[in-house]
Amino acid sequence: MLAVAAAGIAMALTGWRLRNKKRVYALSLQGGGIGILFLTVFAALRLWQMLPPTLAFVLLVMLTVCTGALAVMQNSRSLAIFGVVGGFLAPVLTSTGQGSHVVLFSYYLVLNIAILGIAWFRAWRGLNLVGWVFTFVIGSLWGYQYYKPALLYSTQPFLVLYFLFYQ
């Protein structure tokens, strides 16, 4: 697992070094390297139980933040979308079924704030669409499976905020 992670890091670093000479190739290397890291963390958690869920989640969030920063610095919409998809999937991939919906929706709120922040600097409509789709789909699936009327007051503020984000 460490060798695979090291290969992913090497790919991402090589892509970063080549960003000014061969842009498309460099972005492909970075995306591939980050993708390998995402899959390595997931495999270490789910397939081999080498990581606890909390650590795996933190690592996936760190990868998401790094991917977003790389995307903004290099003006790469595709890398930003890739990072946001990874960010939205992080709690789904690391879920044990024991978490709090308030924590989940708070995390998605922070992720949507990050999308709004990126939108302030870059007019990437696709990123906004990905954020809306993931928020809607995951929120709807959670609502279908777990919502009870007793949760109204802990879920309603998130619904209002998400509506304001994507109105």
C-alpha atoms as a PDB file:
ATOM      1  CA  MET A   1       0.000   0.000   0.000  1.00  0.00           C
ATOM      2  CA  LEU A   2       2.842   2.376   0.795  1.00  0.00           C
ATOM      3  CA  ALA A   3       4.494   1.666  -2.564  1.00  0.00           C
ATOM      4  CA  VAL A   4       1.259   2.409  -4.415  1.00  0.00           C
ATOM      5  CA  ALA A   5       0.766   5.615  -2.404  1.00  0.00           C
ATOM      6  CA  ALA A   6       4.380   6.606  -3.118  1.00  0.00           C
ATOM      7  CA  ALA A   7       3.764   6.048  -6.853  1.00  0.00           C
ATOM      8  CA  GLY A   8       0.664   8.272  -6.666  1.00  0.00           C
ATOM      9  CA  ILE A   9       2.634  11.001  -4.896  1.00  0.00           C
ATOM     10  CA  ALA A  10       5.460  10.683  -7.436  1.00  0.00           C
ATOM     11  CA  MET A  11       2.985  11.059 -10.307  1.00  0.00           C
ATOM     12  CA  ALA A  12       1.393  14.139  -8.749  1.00  0.00           C
ATOM     13  CA  LEU A  13       4.770  15.751  -8.028  1.00  0.00           C
ATOM     14  CA  THR A  14       6.042  15.002 -11.538  1.00  0.00           C
ATOM     15  CA  GLY A  15       2.886  16.569 -12.936  1.00  0.00           C
ATOM     16  CA  TRP A  16       3.427  19.639 -10.780  1.00  0.00           C
ATOM     17  CA  ARG A  17       7.020  19.982 -12.031  1.00  0.00           C
ATOM     18  CA  LEU A  18       5.889  19.694 -15.676  1.00  0.00           C
ATOM     19  CA  ARG A  19       2.942  22.102 -15.347  1.00  0.00           C
ATOM     20  CA  ASN A  20       4.628  24.922 -17.308  1.00  0.00           C
ATOM     21  CA  LYS A  21       6.125  22.771 -20.074  1.00  0.00           C
ATOM     22  CA  LYS A  22       3.409  20.260 -20.926  1.00  0.00           C
ATOM     23  CA  ARG A  23       0.161  21.440 -19.348  1.00  0.00           C
ATOM     24  CA  VAL A  24      -2.232  18.696 -20.467  1.00  0.00           C
ATOM     25  CA  TYR A  25       0.214  15.903 -19.669  1.00  0.00           C
ATOM     26  CA  ALA A  26       1.051  17.498 -16.315  1.00  0.00           C
ATOM     27  CA  LEU A  27      -2.610  17.808 -15.318  1.00  0.00           C
ATOM     28  CA  SER A  28      -3.211  14.197 -16.369  1.00  0.00           C
ATOM     29  CA  LEU A  29      -0.324  13.042 -14.196  1.00  0.00           C
ATOM     30  CA  GLN A  30      -1.585  15.071 -11.256  1.00  0.00           C
ATOM     31  CA  GLY A  31      -5.134  13.767 -11.625  1.00  0.00           C
ATOM     32  CA  GLY A  32      -3.911  10.195 -12.009  1.00  0.00           C
ATOM     33  CA  GLY A  33      -1.642  10.475  -8.993  1.00  0.00           C
ATOM     34  CA  ILE A  34      -4.375  11.959  -6.836  1.00  0.00           C
ATOM     35  CA  GLY A  35      -6.803   9.316  -8.080  1.00  0.00           C
ATOM     36  CA  ILE A  36      -4.353   6.604  -7.058  1.00  0.00           C
ATOM     37  CA  LEU A  37      -4.102   8.191  -3.607  1.00  0.00           C
ATOM     38  CA  PHE A  38      -7.900   8.342  -3.265  1.00  0.00           C
ATOM     39  CA  LEU A  39      -8.184   4.661  -4.225  1.00  0.00           C
ATOM     40  CA  THR A  40      -5.286   3.668  -1.969  1.00  0.00           C
ATOM     41  CA  VAL A  41      -6.915   5.259   1.077  1.00  0.00           C
ATOM     42  CA  PHE A  42     -10.234   3.629   0.198  1.00  0.00           C
ATOM     43  CA  ALA A  43      -8.597   0.199  -0.281  1.00  0.00           C
ATOM     44  CA  ALA A  44      -6.625   0.537   2.957  1.00  0.00           C
ATOM     45  CA  LEU A  45      -9.899   1.248   4.756  1.00  0.00           C
ATOM     46  CA  ARG A  46     -12.400  -1.129   3.129  1.00  0.00           C
ATOM     47  CA  LEU A  47     -10.407  -3.992   1.649  1.00  0.00           C
ATOM     48  CA  TRP A  48      -7.594  -4.469   4.180  1.00  0.00           C
ATOM     49  CA  GLN A  49      -8.864  -2.583   7.270  1.00  0.00           C
ATOM     50  CA  MET A  50      -5.439  -0.935   7.632  1.00  0.00           C
ATOM     51  CA  LEU A  51      -6.865   2.492   8.462  1.00  0.00           C
ATOM     52  CA  PRO A  52      -9.547   3.514  10.923  1.00  0.00           C
ATOM     53  CA  PRO A  53     -12.518   5.309   9.292  1.00  0.00           C
ATOM     54  CA  THR A  54     -11.729   8.658  10.934  1.00  0.00           C
ATOM     55  CA  LEU A  55      -8.143   8.701   9.658  1.00  0.00           C
ATOM     56  CA  ALA A  56      -9.257   7.606   6.187  1.00  0.00           C
ATOM     57  CA  PHE A  57     -11.830  10.403   6.131  1.00  0.00           C
ATOM     58  CA  VAL A  58      -9.234  12.994   7.191  1.00  0.00           C
ATOM     59  CA  LEU A  59      -6.839  11.785   4.486  1.00  0.00           C
ATOM     60  CA  LEU A  60      -9.565  11.963   1.824  1.00  0.00           C
ATOM     61  CA  VAL A  61     -10.490  15.489   2.926  1.00  0.00           C
ATOM     62  CA  MET A  62      -6.820  16.518   2.773  1.00  0.00           C
ATOM     63  CA  LEU A  63      -6.600  15.098  -0.763  1.00  0.00           C
ATOM     64  CA  THR A  64      -9.729  17.038  -1.697  1.00  0.00           C
ATOM     65  CA  VAL A  65      -8.282  20.299  -0.362  1.00  0.00           C
ATOM     66  CA  CYS A  66      -4.972  19.731  -2.145  1.00  0.00           C
ATOM     67  CA  THR A  67      -6.755  18.915  -5.401  1.00  0.00           C
ATOM     68  CA  GLY A  68      -8.863  22.062  -5.133  1.00  0.00           C
ATOM     69  CA  ALA A  69      -5.788  24.194  -4.461  1.00  0.00           C
ATOM     70  CA  LEU A  70      -3.938  22.657  -7.416  1.00  0.00           C
ATOM     71  CA  ALA A  71      -6.951  23.255  -9.646  1.00  0.00           C
ATOM     72  CA  VAL A  72      -7.280  26.926  -8.730  1.00  0.00           C
ATOM     73  CA  MET A  73      -3.518  27.575  -8.992  1.00  0.00           C
ATOM     74  CA  GLN A  74      -3.388  25.987 -12.454  1.00  0.00           C
ATOM     75  CA  ASN A  75      -6.804  27.152 -13.662  1.00  0.00           C
ATOM     76  CA  SER A  76      -7.922  23.557 -14.256  1.00  0.00           C
ATOM     77  CA  ARG A  77     -11.679  23.041 -14.197  1.00  0.00           C
ATOM     78  CA  SER A  78     -11.388  19.276 -14.689  1.00  0.00           C
ATOM     79  CA  LEU A  79      -9.034  18.910 -11.726  1.00  0.00           C
ATOM     80  CA  ALA A  80     -11.432  20.982  -9.592  1.00  0.00           C
ATOM     81  CA  ILE A  81     -14.384  18.790 -10.546  1.00  0.00           C
ATOM     82  CA  PHE A  82     -12.331  15.689  -9.800  1.00  0.00           C
ATOM     83  CA  GLY A  83     -11.462  17.050  -6.348  1.00  0.00           C
ATOM     84  CA  VAL A  84     -15.041  18.037  -5.544  1.00  0.00           C
ATOM     85  CA  VAL A  85     -16.338  14.605  -6.534  1.00  0.00           C
ATOM     86  CA  GLY A  86     -13.728  13.063  -4.231  1.00  0.00           C
ATOM     87  CA  GLY A  87     -14.782  15.435  -1.480  1.00  0.00           C
ATOM     88  CA  PHE A  88     -18.441  14.516  -1.770  1.00  0.00           C
ATOM     89  CA  LEU A  89     -17.646  10.806  -1.891  1.00  0.00           C
ATOM     90  CA  ALA A  90     -15.274  10.884   1.123  1.00  0.00           C
ATOM     91  CA  PRO A  91     -17.983  10.502   3.801  1.00  0.00           C
ATOM     92  CA  VAL A  92     -19.849   7.961   1.680  1.00  0.00           C
ATOM     93  CA  LEU A  93     -16.723   5.836   1.204  1.00  0.00           C
ATOM     94  CA  THR A  94     -15.689   6.002   4.871  1.00  0.00           C
ATOM     95  CA  SER A  95     -19.129   5.707   6.456  1.00  0.00           C
ATOM     96  CA  THR A  96     -19.650   3.145   9.167  1.00  0.00           C
ATOM     97  CA  GLY A  97     -23.347   3.942   9.460  1.00  0.00           C
ATOM     98  CA  GLN A  98     -22.827   5.302  12.970  1.00  0.00           C
ATOM     99  CA  GLY A  99     -22.250   8.968  12.145  1.00  0.00           C
ATOM    100  CA  SER A 100     -24.343  12.020  12.831  1.00  0.00           C
ATOM    101  CA  HIS A 101     -26.408  13.593  10.075  1.00  0.00           C
ATOM    102  CA  VAL A 102     -25.517  17.032  11.464  1.00  0.00           C
ATOM    103  CA  VAL A 103     -21.807  16.280  10.977  1.00  0.00           C
ATOM    104  CA  LEU A 104     -22.459  14.954   7.460  1.00  0.00           C
ATOM    105  CA  PHE A 105     -24.518  17.973   6.418  1.00  0.00           C
ATOM    106  CA  SER A 106     -22.046  20.355   8.079  1.00  0.00           C
ATOM    107  CA  TYR A 107     -19.237  18.789   6.085  1.00  0.00           C
ATOM    108  CA  TYR A 108     -21.248  19.168   2.877  1.00  0.00           C
ATOM    109  CA  LEU A 109     -21.974  22.768   3.847  1.00  0.00           C
ATOM    110  CA  VAL A 110     -18.230  23.446   4.166  1.00  0.00           C
ATOM    111  CA  LEU A 111     -17.647  21.739   0.817  1.00  0.00           C
ATOM    112  CA  ASN A 112     -20.348  23.887  -0.795  1.00  0.00           C
ATOM    113  CA  ILE A 113     -18.788  27.006   0.763  1.00  0.00           C
ATOM    114  CA  ALA A 114     -15.481  25.955  -0.824  1.00  0.00           C
ATOM    115  CA  ILE A 115     -17.252  25.616  -4.194  1.00  0.00           C
ATOM    116  CA  LEU A 116     -18.699  29.096  -3.693  1.00  0.00           C
ATOM    117  CA  GLY A 117     -15.213  30.388  -2.870  1.00  0.00           C
ATOM    118  CA  ILE A 118     -13.769  28.846  -6.024  1.00  0.00           C
ATOM    119  CA  ALA A 119     -16.682  30.281  -8.020  1.00  0.00           C
ATOM    120  CA  TRP A 120     -15.707  33.713  -6.716  1.00  0.00           C
ATOM    121  CA  PHE A 121     -12.384  33.424  -8.574  1.00  0.00           C
ATOM    122  CA  ARG A 122     -13.272  31.073 -11.431  1.00  0.00           C
ATOM    123  CA  ALA A 123     -16.530  30.897 -13.402  1.00  0.00           C
ATOM    124  CA  TRP A 124     -16.687  27.105 -13.585  1.00  0.00           C
ATOM    125  CA  ARG A 125     -20.384  26.313 -13.973  1.00  0.00           C
ATOM    126  CA  GLY A 126     -19.674  22.577 -14.084  1.00  0.00           C
ATOM    127  CA  LEU A 127     -18.285  22.729 -10.558  1.00  0.00           C
ATOM    128  CA  ASN A 128     -21.481  24.340  -9.286  1.00  0.00           C
ATOM    129  CA  LEU A 129     -23.541  21.688 -11.066  1.00  0.00           C
ATOM    130  CA  VAL A 130     -21.500  18.853  -9.541  1.00  0.00           C
ATOM    131  CA  GLY A 131     -21.927  20.402  -6.083  1.00  0.00           C
ATOM    132  CA  TRP A 132     -25.672  20.740  -6.535  1.00  0.00           C
ATOM    133  CA  VAL A 133     -26.125  17.199  -7.902  1.00  0.00           C
ATOM    134  CA  PHE A 134     -24.111  15.549  -5.137  1.00  0.00           C
ATOM    135  CA  THR A 135     -25.776  17.623  -2.404  1.00  0.00           C
ATOM    136  CA  PHE A 136     -29.232  16.834  -3.772  1.00  0.00           C
ATOM    137  CA  VAL A 137     -28.649  13.123  -4.433  1.00  0.00           C
ATOM    138  CA  ILE A 138     -26.850  12.303  -1.189  1.00  0.00           C
ATOM    139  CA  GLY A 139     -29.276  14.445   0.839  1.00  0.00           C
ATOM    140  CA  SER A 140     -32.239  12.753  -0.826  1.00  0.00           C
ATOM    141  CA  LEU A 141     -30.825   9.266  -0.251  1.00  0.00           C
ATOM    142  CA  TRP A 142     -30.157  10.098   3.399  1.00  0.00           C
ATOM    143  CA  GLY A 143     -33.676  11.500   3.738  1.00  0.00           C
ATOM    144  CA  TYR A 144     -35.217   8.408   2.175  1.00  0.00           C
ATOM    145  CA  GLN A 145     -33.321   6.031   4.465  1.00  0.00           C
ATOM    146  CA  TYR A 146     -32.987   7.866   7.771  1.00  0.00           C
ATOM    147  CA  TYR A 147     -35.302  10.874   8.059  1.00  0.00           C
ATOM    148  CA  LYS A 148     -37.852  10.934  10.865  1.00  0.00           C
ATOM    149  CA  PRO A 149     -40.093  13.865  11.845  1.00  0.00           C
ATOM    150  CA  ALA A 150     -38.071  14.223  15.064  1.00  0.00           C
ATOM    151  CA  LEU A 151     -35.088  15.326  12.937  1.00  0.00           C
ATOM    152  CA  LEU A 152     -36.924  18.281  11.374  1.00  0.00           C
ATOM    153  CA  TYR A 153     -35.187  20.981  13.407  1.00  0.00           C
ATOM    154  CA  SER A 154     -31.716  19.549  12.878  1.00  0.00           C
ATOM    155  CA  THR A 155     -32.136  19.151   9.109  1.00  0.00           C
ATOM    156  CA  GLN A 156     -34.222  22.188   8.125  1.00  0.00           C
ATOM    157  CA  PRO A 157     -31.410  24.771   8.528  1.00  0.00           C
ATOM    158  CA  PHE A 158     -29.234  22.782   6.123  1.00  0.00           C
ATOM    159  CA  LEU A 159     -32.026  22.595   3.560  1.00  0.00           C
ATOM    160  CA  VAL A 160     -32.492  26.370   3.735  1.00  0.00           C
ATOM    161  CA  LEU A 161     -28.751  27.023   3.386  1.00  0.00           C
ATOM    162  CA  TYR A 162     -28.394  24.616   0.468  1.00  0.00           C
ATOM    163  CA  PHE A 163     -31.371  26.265  -1.226  1.00  0.00           C
ATOM    164  CA  LEU A 164     -29.724  29.674  -0.794  1.00  0.00           C
ATOM    165  CA  PHE A 165     -26.468  28.358  -2.251  1.00  0.00           C
ATOM    166  CA  TYR A 166     -28.081  26.931  -5.349  1.00  0.00           C
ATOM    167  CA  GLN A 167     -31.073  29.153  -5.988  1.00  0.00           C
END
